[in-house]
PDB file of N, CA and C in Angstrom:
ATOM      1  N   UNK A   1      20.446   5.507   9.919  1.00  0.00           N
ATOM      2  CA  UNK A   1      19.488   6.557   9.715  1.00  0.00           C
ATOM      3  C   UNK A   1      18.096   5.925   9.726  1.00  0.00           C
ATOM      4  N   UNK A   2      17.218   6.330  10.616  1.00  0.00           N
ATOM      5  CA  UNK A   2      15.911   5.678  10.737  1.00  0.00           C
ATOM      6  C   UNK A   2      14.882   6.169   9.706  1.00  0.00           C
ATOM      7  N   UNK A   3      14.120   5.208   9.175  1.00  0.00           N
ATOM      8  CA  UNK A   3      12.964   5.503   8.336  1.00  0.00           C
ATOM      9  C   UNK A   3      11.843   4.556   8.748  1.00  0.00           C
ATOM     10  N   UNK A   4      10.641   4.850   8.269  1.00  0.00           N
ATOM     11  CA  UNK A   4       9.518   3.937   8.430  1.00  0.00           C
ATOM     12  C   UNK A   4       9.204   3.360   7.060  1.00  0.00           C
ATOM     13  N   UNK A   5       9.089   2.056   6.999  1.00  0.00           N
ATOM     14  CA  UNK A   5       8.802   1.345   5.759  1.00  0.00           C
ATOM     15  C   UNK A   5       7.417   0.742   5.851  1.00  0.00           C
ATOM     16  N   UNK A   6       6.591   1.008   4.835  1.00  0.00           N
ATOM     17  CA  UNK A   6       5.254   0.417   4.756  1.00  0.00           C
ATOM     18  C   UNK A   6       5.171  -0.362   3.451  1.00  0.00           C
ATOM     19  N   UNK A   7       5.084  -1.670   3.571  1.00  0.00           N
ATOM     20  CA  UNK A   7       4.965  -2.552   2.419  1.00  0.00           C
ATOM     21  C   UNK A   7       3.549  -3.109   2.407  1.00  0.00           C
ATOM     22  N   UNK A   8       2.800  -2.805   1.357  1.00  0.00           N
ATOM     23  CA  UNK A   8       1.387  -3.184   1.313  1.00  0.00           C
ATOM     24  C   UNK A   8       1.167  -4.497   0.580  1.00  0.00           C
ATOM     25  N   UNK A   9       0.072  -5.160   0.943  1.00  0.00           N
ATOM     26  CA  UNK A   9      -0.312  -6.412   0.288  1.00  0.00           C
ATOM     27  C   UNK A   9       0.712  -7.506   0.519  1.00  0.00           C
ATOM     28  N   UNK A  10       0.991  -8.238  -0.542  1.00  0.00           N
ATOM     29  CA  UNK A  10       1.935  -9.354  -0.448  1.00  0.00           C
ATOM     30  C   UNK A  10       3.379  -8.907  -0.244  1.00  0.00           C
ATOM     31  N   UNK A  11       3.649  -7.627  -0.435  1.00  0.00           N
ATOM     32  CA  UNK A  11       5.016  -7.137  -0.268  1.00  0.00           C
ATOM     33  C   UNK A  11       5.497  -7.209   1.172  1.00  0.00           C
ATOM     34  N   UNK A  12       4.574  -7.258   2.120  1.00  0.00           N
ATOM     35  CA  UNK A  12       5.004  -7.279   3.525  1.00  0.00           C
ATOM     36  C   UNK A  12       5.878  -8.484   3.856  1.00  0.00           C
ATOM     37  N   UNK A  13       5.823  -9.512   3.031  1.00  0.00           N
ATOM     38  CA  UNK A  13       6.675 -10.686   3.287  1.00  0.00           C
ATOM     39  C   UNK A  13       8.166 -10.361   3.142  1.00  0.00           C
ATOM     40  N   UNK A  14       8.477  -9.232   2.476  1.00  0.00           N
ATOM     41  CA  UNK A  14       9.869  -8.827   2.309  1.00  0.00           C
ATOM     42  C   UNK A  14      10.373  -7.950   3.456  1.00  0.00           C
ATOM     43  N   UNK A  15       9.485  -7.508   4.335  1.00  0.00           N
ATOM     44  CA  UNK A  15       9.889  -6.668   5.467  1.00  0.00           C
ATOM     45  C   UNK A  15      10.639  -7.522   6.490  1.00  0.00           C
ATOM     46  N   UNK A  16      11.633  -6.956   7.132  1.00  0.00           N
ATOM     47  CA  UNK A  16      12.375  -7.715   8.149  1.00  0.00           C
ATOM     48  C   UNK A  16      11.458  -8.280   9.237  1.00  0.00           C
ATOM     49  N   UNK A  17      10.382  -7.565   9.541  1.00  0.00           N
ATOM     50  CA  UNK A  17       9.465  -8.001  10.593  1.00  0.00           C
ATOM     51  C   UNK A  17       8.287  -8.809  10.049  1.00  0.00           C
ATOM     52  N   UNK A  18       8.202  -8.939   8.707  1.00  0.00           N
ATOM     53  CA  UNK A  18       7.100  -9.643   8.027  1.00  0.00           C
ATOM     54  C   UNK A  18       5.751  -8.998   8.324  1.00  0.00           C
ATOM     55  N   UNK A  19       5.770  -7.721   8.666  1.00  0.00           N
ATOM     56  CA  UNK A  19       4.539  -6.974   8.917  1.00  0.00           C
ATOM     57  C   UNK A  19       4.476  -5.793   7.949  1.00  0.00           C
ATOM     58  N   UNK A  20       3.304  -5.188   7.849  1.00  0.00           N
ATOM     59  CA  UNK A  20       3.095  -4.103   6.901  1.00  0.00           C
ATOM     60  C   UNK A  20       3.943  -2.876   7.211  1.00  0.00           C
ATOM     61  N   UNK A  21       4.152  -2.576   8.479  1.00  0.00           N
ATOM     62  CA  UNK A  21       4.906  -1.387   8.884  1.00  0.00           C
ATOM     63  C   UNK A  21       6.124  -1.813   9.695  1.00  0.00           C
ATOM     64  N   UNK A  22       7.279  -1.247   9.322  1.00  0.00           N
ATOM     65  CA  UNK A  22       8.510  -1.587  10.032  1.00  0.00           C
ATOM     66  C   UNK A  22       9.386  -0.344  10.153  1.00  0.00           C
ATOM     67  N   UNK A  23      10.093  -0.241  11.245  1.00  0.00           N
ATOM     68  CA  UNK A  23      11.115   0.792  11.414  1.00  0.00           C
ATOM     69  C   UNK A  23      12.433   0.188  10.960  1.00  0.00           C
ATOM     70  N   UNK A  24      13.150   0.918  10.109  1.00  0.00           N
ATOM     71  CA  UNK A  24      14.428   0.434   9.603  1.00  0.00           C
ATOM     72  C   UNK A  24      15.511   1.449   9.864  1.00  0.00           C
ATOM     73  N   UNK A  25      16.718   0.964  10.063  1.00  0.00           N
ATOM     74  CA  UNK A  25      17.885   1.816  10.140  1.00  0.00           C
ATOM     75  C   UNK A  25      18.654   1.571   8.848  1.00  0.00           C
ATOM     76  N   UNK A  26      18.698   2.576   7.967  1.00  0.00           N
ATOM     77  CA  UNK A  26      19.311   2.408   6.657  1.00  0.00           C
ATOM     78  C   UNK A  26      20.557   3.267   6.537  1.00  0.00           C
ATOM     79  N   UNK A  27      21.366   2.969   5.519  1.00  0.00           N
ATOM     80  CA  UNK A  27      22.571   3.762   5.292  1.00  0.00           C
ATOM     81  C   UNK A  27      22.211   5.099   4.649  1.00  0.00           C
ATOM     82  N   UNK A  28      22.859   6.166   5.038  1.00  0.00           N
ATOM     83  CA  UNK A  28      22.582   7.475   4.434  1.00  0.00           C
ATOM     84  C   UNK A  28      22.854   7.453   2.933  1.00  0.00           C
ATOM     85  N   UNK A  29      22.013   8.163   2.178  1.00  0.00           N
ATOM     86  CA  UNK A  29      22.220   8.302   0.743  1.00  0.00           C
ATOM     87  C   UNK A  29      21.715   7.157  -0.108  1.00  0.00           C
ATOM     88  N   UNK A  30      20.995   6.214   0.487  1.00  0.00           N
ATOM     89  CA  UNK A  30      20.511   5.070  -0.281  1.00  0.00           C
ATOM     90  C   UNK A  30      19.244   5.449  -1.048  1.00  0.00           C
ATOM     91  N   UNK A  31      19.164   4.948  -2.280  1.00  0.00           N
ATOM     92  CA  UNK A  31      17.980   5.162  -3.107  1.00  0.00           C
ATOM     93  C   UNK A  31      16.957   4.067  -2.824  1.00  0.00           C
ATOM     94  N   UNK A  32      15.710   4.364  -3.102  1.00  0.00           N
ATOM     95  CA  UNK A  32      14.637   3.388  -2.886  1.00  0.00           C
ATOM     96  C   UNK A  32      14.954   2.087  -3.616  1.00  0.00           C
ATOM     97  N   UNK A  33      15.381   2.185  -4.867  1.00  0.00           N
ATOM     98  CA  UNK A  33      15.689   1.000  -5.679  1.00  0.00           C
ATOM     99  C   UNK A  33      16.696   0.094  -4.967  1.00  0.00           C
ATOM    100  N   UNK A  34      17.750   0.685  -4.413  1.00  0.00           N
ATOM    101  CA  UNK A  34      18.788  -0.089  -3.738  1.00  0.00           C
ATOM    102  C   UNK A  34      18.261  -0.719  -2.450  1.00  0.00           C
ATOM    103  N   UNK A  35      17.454   0.024  -1.708  1.00  0.00           N
ATOM    104  CA  UNK A  35      16.887  -0.526  -0.474  1.00  0.00           C
ATOM    105  C   UNK A  35      15.987  -1.714  -0.782  1.00  0.00           C
ATOM    106  N   UNK A  36      15.129  -1.582  -1.785  1.00  0.00           N
ATOM    107  CA  UNK A  36      14.231  -2.679  -2.136  1.00  0.00           C
ATOM    108  C   UNK A  36      15.012  -3.899  -2.622  1.00  0.00           C
ATOM    109  N   UNK A  37      16.108  -3.661  -3.342  1.00  0.00           N
ATOM    110  CA  UNK A  37      16.963  -4.774  -3.773  1.00  0.00           C
ATOM    111  C   UNK A  37      17.581  -5.474  -2.567  1.00  0.00           C
ATOM    112  N   UNK A  38      18.029  -4.709  -1.572  1.00  0.00           N
ATOM    113  CA  UNK A  38      18.591  -5.302  -0.356  1.00  0.00           C
ATOM    114  C   UNK A  38      17.564  -6.167   0.365  1.00  0.00           C
ATOM    115  N   UNK A  39      16.301  -5.751   0.309  1.00  0.00           N
ATOM    116  CA  UNK A  39      15.228  -6.499   0.968  1.00  0.00           C
ATOM    117  C   UNK A  39      14.768  -7.694   0.134  1.00  0.00           C
ATOM    118  N   UNK A  40      15.231  -7.775  -1.116  1.00  0.00           N
ATOM    119  CA  UNK A  40      14.856  -8.889  -1.980  1.00  0.00           C
ATOM    120  C   UNK A  40      13.549  -8.699  -2.719  1.00  0.00           C
ATOM    121  N   UNK A  41      13.075  -7.470  -2.821  1.00  0.00           N
ATOM    122  CA  UNK A  41      11.814  -7.187  -3.504  1.00  0.00           C
ATOM    123  C   UNK A  41      12.072  -7.147  -5.010  1.00  0.00           C
ATOM    124  N   UNK A  42      11.461  -8.054  -5.791  1.00  0.00           N
ATOM    125  CA  UNK A  42      11.638  -8.025  -7.247  1.00  0.00           C
ATOM    126  C   UNK A  42      11.002  -6.769  -7.852  1.00  0.00           C
ATOM    127  N   UNK A  43      11.653  -6.194  -8.861  1.00  0.00           N
ATOM    128  CA  UNK A  43      11.153  -4.978  -9.511  1.00  0.00           C
ATOM    129  C   UNK A  43       9.718  -5.136  -9.999  1.00  0.00           C
ATOM    130  N   UNK A  44       9.390  -6.291 -10.546  1.00  0.00           N
ATOM    131  CA  UNK A  44       8.052  -6.498 -11.104  1.00  0.00           C
ATOM    132  C   UNK A  44       6.962  -6.552 -10.034  1.00  0.00           C
ATOM    133  N   UNK A  45       7.344  -6.647  -8.778  1.00  0.00           N
ATOM    134  CA  UNK A  45       6.370  -6.660  -7.683  1.00  0.00           C
ATOM    135  C   UNK A  45       6.056  -5.264  -7.159  1.00  0.00           C
ATOM    136  N   UNK A  46       6.712  -4.237  -7.729  1.00  0.00           N
ATOM    137  CA  UNK A  46       6.509  -2.861  -7.264  1.00  0.00           C
ATOM    138  C   UNK A  46       5.763  -2.071  -8.332  1.00  0.00           C
ATOM    139  N   UNK A  47       4.628  -1.520  -7.953  1.00  0.00           N
ATOM    140  CA  UNK A  47       3.842  -0.687  -8.868  1.00  0.00           C
ATOM    141  C   UNK A  47       4.145   0.790  -8.649  1.00  0.00           C
ATOM    142  N   UNK A  48       4.187   1.201  -7.367  1.00  0.00           N
ATOM    143  CA  UNK A  48       4.353   2.610  -7.061  1.00  0.00           C
ATOM    144  C   UNK A  48       5.014   2.768  -5.694  1.00  0.00           C
ATOM    145  N   UNK A  49       5.790   3.853  -5.557  1.00  0.00           N
ATOM    146  CA  UNK A  49       6.407   4.205  -4.275  1.00  0.00           C
ATOM    147  C   UNK A  49       6.015   5.632  -3.918  1.00  0.00           C
ATOM    148  N   UNK A  50       5.888   5.864  -2.627  1.00  0.00           N
ATOM    149  CA  UNK A  50       5.609   7.214  -2.137  1.00  0.00           C
ATOM    150  C   UNK A  50       6.504   7.475  -0.926  1.00  0.00           C
ATOM    151  N   UNK A  51       6.982   8.704  -0.826  1.00  0.00           N
ATOM    152  CA  UNK A  51       7.760   9.136   0.332  1.00  0.00           C
ATOM    153  C   UNK A  51       7.031  10.330   0.932  1.00  0.00           C
ATOM    154  N   UNK A  52       6.684  10.184   2.197  1.00  0.00           N
ATOM    155  CA  UNK A  52       5.981  11.251   2.921  1.00  0.00           C
ATOM    156  C   UNK A  52       4.732  11.710   2.161  1.00  0.00           C
ATOM    157  N   UNK A  53       3.978  10.725   1.671  1.00  0.00           N
ATOM    158  CA  UNK A  53       2.694  10.923   0.971  1.00  0.00           C
ATOM    159  C   UNK A  53       2.818  11.544  -0.417  1.00  0.00           C
ATOM    160  N   UNK A  54       4.008  11.579  -1.004  1.00  0.00           N
ATOM    161  CA  UNK A  54       4.184  12.065  -2.369  1.00  0.00           C
ATOM    162  C   UNK A  54       4.737  10.943  -3.236  1.00  0.00           C
ATOM    163  N   UNK A  55       4.117  10.718  -4.394  1.00  0.00           N
ATOM    164  CA  UNK A  55       4.583   9.679  -5.312  1.00  0.00           C
ATOM    165  C   UNK A  55       5.961  10.071  -5.840  1.00  0.00           C
ATOM    166  N   UNK A  56       6.881   9.103  -5.829  1.00  0.00           N
ATOM    167  CA  UNK A  56       8.256   9.325  -6.269  1.00  0.00           C
ATOM    168  C   UNK A  56       8.700   8.147  -7.133  1.00  0.00           C
ATOM    169  N   UNK A  57       9.832   8.314  -7.815  1.00  0.00           N
ATOM    170  CA  UNK A  57      10.379   7.175  -8.554  1.00  0.00           C
ATOM    171  C   UNK A  57      11.393   6.446  -7.685  1.00  0.00           C
ATOM    172  N   UNK A  58      11.808   5.284  -8.152  1.00  0.00           N
ATOM    173  CA  UNK A  58      12.667   4.439  -7.316  1.00  0.00           C
ATOM    174  C   UNK A  58      14.114   4.918  -7.232  1.00  0.00           C
ATOM    175  N   UNK A  59      14.447   5.997  -7.928  1.00  0.00           N
ATOM    176  CA  UNK A  59      15.790   6.575  -7.817  1.00  0.00           C
ATOM    177  C   UNK A  59      15.867   7.616  -6.701  1.00  0.00           C
ATOM    178  N   UNK A  60      14.754   7.881  -6.055  1.00  0.00           N
ATOM    179  CA  UNK A  60      14.703   8.873  -4.979  1.00  0.00           C
ATOM    180  C   UNK A  60      15.600   8.456  -3.816  1.00  0.00           C
ATOM    181  N   UNK A  61      16.386   9.406  -3.341  1.00  0.00           N
ATOM    182  CA  UNK A  61      17.274   9.177  -2.192  1.00  0.00           C
ATOM    183  C   UNK A  61      16.464   9.382  -0.911  1.00  0.00           C
ATOM    184  N   UNK A  62      16.556   8.417  -0.015  1.00  0.00           N
ATOM    185  CA  UNK A  62      15.822   8.498   1.250  1.00  0.00           C
ATOM    186  C   UNK A  62      16.583   9.350   2.260  1.00  0.00           C
ATOM    187  N   UNK A  63      15.813  10.029   3.106  1.00  0.00           N
ATOM    188  CA  UNK A  63      16.386  10.893   4.142  1.00  0.00           C
ATOM    189  C   UNK A  63      15.875  10.452   5.517  1.00  0.00           C
ATOM    190  N   UNK A  64      16.595  10.847   6.523  1.00  0.00           N
ATOM    191  CA  UNK A  64      16.236  10.493   7.900  1.00  0.00           C
ATOM    192  C   UNK A  64      14.789  10.893   8.200  1.00  0.00           C
ATOM    193  N   UNK A  65      14.038   9.959   8.789  1.00  0.00           N
ATOM    194  CA  UNK A  65      12.668  10.224   9.189  1.00  0.00           C
ATOM    195  C   UNK A  65      11.629  10.025   8.104  1.00  0.00           C
ATOM    196  N   UNK A  66      12.068   9.714   6.873  1.00  0.00           N
ATOM    197  CA  UNK A  66      11.111   9.497   5.783  1.00  0.00           C
ATOM    198  C   UNK A  66      10.188   8.327   6.080  1.00  0.00           C
ATOM    199  N   UNK A  67       8.993   8.414   5.503  1.00  0.00           N
ATOM    200  CA  UNK A  67       8.049   7.296   5.513  1.00  0.00           C
ATOM    201  C   UNK A  67       7.950   6.828   4.066  1.00  0.00           C
ATOM    202  N   UNK A  68       8.464   5.643   3.801  1.00  0.00           N
ATOM    203  CA  UNK A  68       8.449   5.050   2.466  1.00  0.00           C
ATOM    204  C   UNK A  68       7.309   4.054   2.383  1.00  0.00           C
ATOM    205  N   UNK A  69       6.425   4.263   1.408  1.00  0.00           N
ATOM    206  CA  UNK A  69       5.323   3.340   1.164  1.00  0.00           C
ATOM    207  C   UNK A  69       5.547   2.693  -0.196  1.00  0.00           C
ATOM    208  N   UNK A  70       5.385   1.369  -0.247  1.00  0.00           N
ATOM    209  CA  UNK A  70       5.590   0.624  -1.474  1.00  0.00           C
ATOM    210  C   UNK A  70       4.326  -0.186  -1.759  1.00  0.00           C
ATOM    211  N   UNK A  71       3.806  -0.016  -2.970  1.00  0.00           N
ATOM    212  CA  UNK A  71       2.560  -0.660  -3.371  1.00  0.00           C
ATOM    213  C   UNK A  71       2.826  -1.679  -4.475  1.00  0.00           C
ATOM    214  N   UNK A  72       2.134  -2.795  -4.400  1.00  0.00           N
ATOM    215  CA  UNK A  72       2.240  -3.813  -5.447  1.00  0.00           C
ATOM    216  C   UNK A  72       1.204  -3.544  -6.533  1.00  0.00           C
ATOM    217  N   UNK A  73       1.386  -4.127  -7.724  1.00  0.00           N
ATOM    218  CA  UNK A  73       0.391  -3.977  -8.768  1.00  0.00           C
ATOM    219  C   UNK A  73      -0.948  -4.567  -8.296  1.00  0.00           C
ATOM    220  N   UNK A  74      -2.025  -3.910  -8.705  1.00  0.00           N
ATOM    221  CA  UNK A  74      -3.356  -4.369  -8.315  1.00  0.00           C
ATOM    222  C   UNK A  74      -4.036  -4.963  -9.538  1.00  0.00           C
ATOM    223  N   UNK A  75      -4.626  -6.111  -9.347  1.00  0.00           N
ATOM    224  CA  UNK A  75      -5.374  -6.749 -10.435  1.00  0.00           C
ATOM    225  C   UNK A  75      -6.792  -6.980  -9.991  1.00  0.00           C
ATOM    226  N   UNK A  76      -7.619  -7.223 -10.915  1.00  0.00           N
ATOM    227  CA  UNK A  76      -9.006  -7.489 -10.584  1.00  0.00           C
ATOM    228  C   UNK A  76      -9.786  -7.797 -11.840  1.00  0.00           C
ATOM    229  N   UNK A  77     -11.032  -7.994 -11.626  1.00  0.00           N
ATOM    230  CA  UNK A  77     -11.820  -8.286 -12.808  1.00  0.00           C
ATOM    231  C   UNK A  77     -13.245  -8.523 -12.538  1.00  0.00           C
TER     232      UNK A  77
END
């Protein structure tokens, strides 16, 4: 099932293509949390997730054609 994955900042290193935007073929019924675990993304590296421009939690089930965006915590000073 195809989706578009957008990993921002340092998270892009976990993408199969090592780029910010990647097309993925995922198993139907997978939750964001499980997909990120498969990619090796540590929980503490995820601040927020959005699907199709709406903020969601990591238990959200992905559907065909979704655009998943994953943001890392932002620091500054």
